[in-house]
């Protein structure tokens, strides 16, 4: 009976110490790590732009996750808007830019969307641009003379 008690006590002590937590934060495994894309802003208002003026803007983002961020695609809502972005992975804590160009030879107000696809935990983010392009000088002069 004494040996049973000693064996039982040993097993109990071993199981309690083996299951105790050290209180330190465990490191994430590769499969637990995720990238996350965080934009400083998701909408840009150009205000009023001159006809054939500068329609370029850069959206800045940061990889706030703990794994490299890869932009898979950036799609614009129409052919009047173009985009450029880095094809290289963005490491955790680093920033990147998406350059958007709106064709300012189309007078009138506009509101366009740019959809960003990535490997982030938020894999699809929609950016927006809006503004108003003034009429060309020839059109404005013709309207005044009418």
Protein backbone atom coordinates (compact mmCIF):
# COMPACT_ATOMS: atom_id res chain seq x y z
CA UNK A 1 0.00 0.00 0.00
CA UNK A 2 2.91 2.29 0.81
CA UNK A 3 4.44 1.82 -2.64
CA UNK A 4 1.04 2.53 -4.25
CA UNK A 5 0.77 5.80 -2.31
CA UNK A 6 4.30 6.81 -3.33
CA UNK A 7 3.59 5.96 -6.97
CA UNK A 8 0.27 7.82 -6.91
CA UNK A 9 1.91 10.89 -5.29
CA UNK A 10 4.72 10.86 -7.85
CA UNK A 11 2.30 10.68 -10.78
CA UNK A 12 0.19 13.48 -9.29
CA UNK A 13 3.18 15.77 -8.74
CA UNK A 14 4.57 15.02 -12.22
CA UNK A 15 1.24 15.75 -13.92
CA UNK A 16 0.74 19.02 -12.02
CA UNK A 17 4.21 20.35 -12.79
CA UNK A 18 4.09 19.16 -16.38
CA UNK A 19 0.85 21.05 -17.07
CA UNK A 20 1.79 24.30 -15.38
CA UNK A 21 2.15 27.38 -17.58
CA UNK A 22 5.34 29.34 -17.50
CA UNK A 23 3.55 32.68 -17.84
CA UNK A 24 5.52 33.65 -20.93
CA UNK A 25 3.88 34.40 -24.24
CA UNK A 26 4.26 31.55 -26.71
CA UNK A 27 5.72 32.39 -30.10
CA UNK A 28 3.38 32.02 -33.04
CA UNK A 29 4.10 29.27 -35.51
CA UNK A 30 4.34 30.10 -39.21
CA UNK A 31 0.77 28.91 -39.75
CA UNK A 32 -0.49 31.28 -37.01
CA UNK A 33 1.11 34.38 -38.52
CA UNK A 34 -1.02 36.65 -40.72
CA UNK A 35 -0.47 39.85 -42.63
CA UNK A 36 -2.84 42.77 -42.23
CA UNK A 37 -3.16 45.82 -44.48
CA UNK A 38 -3.98 49.14 -42.80
CA UNK A 39 -4.45 52.27 -44.89
CA UNK A 40 -3.87 55.78 -43.52
CA UNK A 41 -7.02 56.74 -45.45
CA UNK A 42 -9.35 54.87 -47.80
CA UNK A 43 -10.92 57.88 -49.55
CA UNK A 44 -9.42 60.88 -51.32
CA UNK A 45 -11.34 63.96 -52.42
CA UNK A 46 -9.50 65.86 -55.16
CA UNK A 47 -11.92 68.77 -54.85
CA UNK A 48 -12.03 70.72 -58.11
CA UNK A 49 -9.34 69.85 -60.65
CA UNK A 50 -8.45 71.80 -63.77
CA UNK A 51 -9.23 70.15 -67.09
CA UNK A 52 -6.17 68.03 -67.99
CA UNK A 53 -4.73 68.72 -64.51
CA UNK A 54 -2.89 66.39 -62.15
CA UNK A 55 -5.15 63.47 -61.25
CA UNK A 56 -2.54 61.46 -59.35
CA UNK A 57 -2.75 60.39 -55.71
CA UNK A 58 -0.90 57.86 -53.55
CA UNK A 59 -2.69 55.76 -50.95
CA UNK A 60 -0.26 54.74 -48.19
CA UNK A 61 -0.67 51.49 -46.26
CA UNK A 62 1.20 49.55 -43.59
CA UNK A 63 1.54 45.84 -42.96
CA UNK A 64 0.33 45.74 -39.36
CA UNK A 65 0.42 41.95 -39.26
CA UNK A 66 3.28 39.59 -38.45
CA UNK A 67 3.80 37.98 -41.85
CA UNK A 68 4.84 39.44 -45.24
CA UNK A 69 2.00 41.17 -47.13
CA UNK A 70 1.58 40.54 -50.86
CA UNK A 71 -0.74 42.65 -53.02
CA UNK A 72 -2.25 40.19 -55.48
CA UNK A 73 -4.17 42.67 -57.64
CA UNK A 74 -5.51 46.23 -57.69
CA UNK A 75 -8.60 46.77 -59.85
CA UNK A 76 -10.13 50.10 -60.80
CA UNK A 77 -13.82 50.60 -61.49
CA UNK A 78 -13.31 52.02 -64.98
CA UNK A 79 -10.76 52.69 -67.71
CA UNK A 80 -10.47 56.35 -66.70
CA UNK A 81 -8.53 55.33 -63.58
CA UNK A 82 -5.17 53.54 -63.54
CA UNK A 83 -3.15 52.13 -60.67
CA UNK A 84 0.43 51.13 -59.90
CA UNK A 85 1.64 49.14 -56.88
CA UNK A 86 4.63 47.23 -55.61
CA UNK A 87 4.75 43.58 -56.60
CA UNK A 88 7.33 42.84 -53.87
CA UNK A 89 6.22 41.52 -50.45
CA UNK A 90 5.84 44.18 -47.74
CA UNK A 91 7.41 42.97 -44.47
CA UNK A 92 5.67 43.36 -41.13
CA UNK A 93 5.81 46.98 -39.96
CA UNK A 94 6.80 48.31 -43.40
CA UNK A 95 4.72 50.64 -45.57
CA UNK A 96 3.79 50.61 -49.23
CA UNK A 97 1.95 52.83 -51.70
CA UNK A 98 -0.69 52.43 -54.35
CA UNK A 99 -0.48 55.18 -56.97
CA UNK A 100 -3.81 56.06 -58.57
CA UNK A 101 -4.19 58.22 -61.67
CA UNK A 102 -7.54 59.66 -62.77
CA UNK A 103 -7.82 60.90 -66.37
CA UNK A 104 -8.78 64.56 -65.99
CA UNK A 105 -9.86 65.06 -69.60
CA UNK A 106 -13.43 64.12 -68.70
CA UNK A 107 -15.25 67.20 -67.33
CA UNK A 108 -17.73 66.86 -64.48
CA UNK A 109 -17.94 65.18 -61.11
CA UNK A 110 -16.59 61.68 -60.57
CA UNK A 111 -16.57 59.01 -57.90
CA UNK A 112 -14.50 55.89 -58.57
CA UNK A 113 -13.46 52.84 -56.58
CA UNK A 114 -10.20 50.93 -56.45
CA UNK A 115 -10.31 47.40 -55.01
CA UNK A 116 -7.14 46.01 -53.44
CA UNK A 117 -6.72 42.22 -53.22
CA UNK A 118 -4.02 40.78 -50.95
CA UNK A 119 -3.05 37.86 -48.73
CA UNK A 120 -4.02 39.86 -45.61
CA UNK A 121 -6.54 38.83 -42.99
CA UNK A 122 -8.72 41.53 -44.60
CA UNK A 123 -8.10 40.29 -48.18
CA UNK A 124 -10.21 42.88 -50.02
CA UNK A 125 -10.16 46.63 -49.29
CA UNK A 126 -12.01 49.25 -51.33
CA UNK A 127 -10.46 52.68 -51.82
CA UNK A 128 -12.38 55.64 -53.26
CA UNK A 129 -11.50 58.78 -55.17
CA UNK A 130 -13.87 61.61 -55.98
CA UNK A 131 -13.78 65.15 -57.28
CA UNK A 132 -14.91 67.48 -60.02
CA UNK A 133 -13.05 68.22 -63.27
CA UNK A 134 -13.61 71.73 -64.67
CA UNK A 135 -14.69 72.15 -68.27
CA UNK A 136 -12.00 72.85 -70.86
CA UNK A 137 -11.38 76.55 -71.53
CA UNK A 138 -12.73 76.23 -75.08
CA UNK A 139 -15.95 74.68 -73.79
CA UNK A 140 -16.32 77.29 -71.05
CA UNK A 141 -15.74 80.16 -73.56
CA UNK A 142 -18.25 78.66 -76.00
CA UNK A 143 -20.84 78.36 -73.20
CA UNK A 144 -20.33 82.03 -72.25
CA UNK A 145 -20.75 83.19 -75.87
CA UNK A 146 -23.99 81.27 -76.33
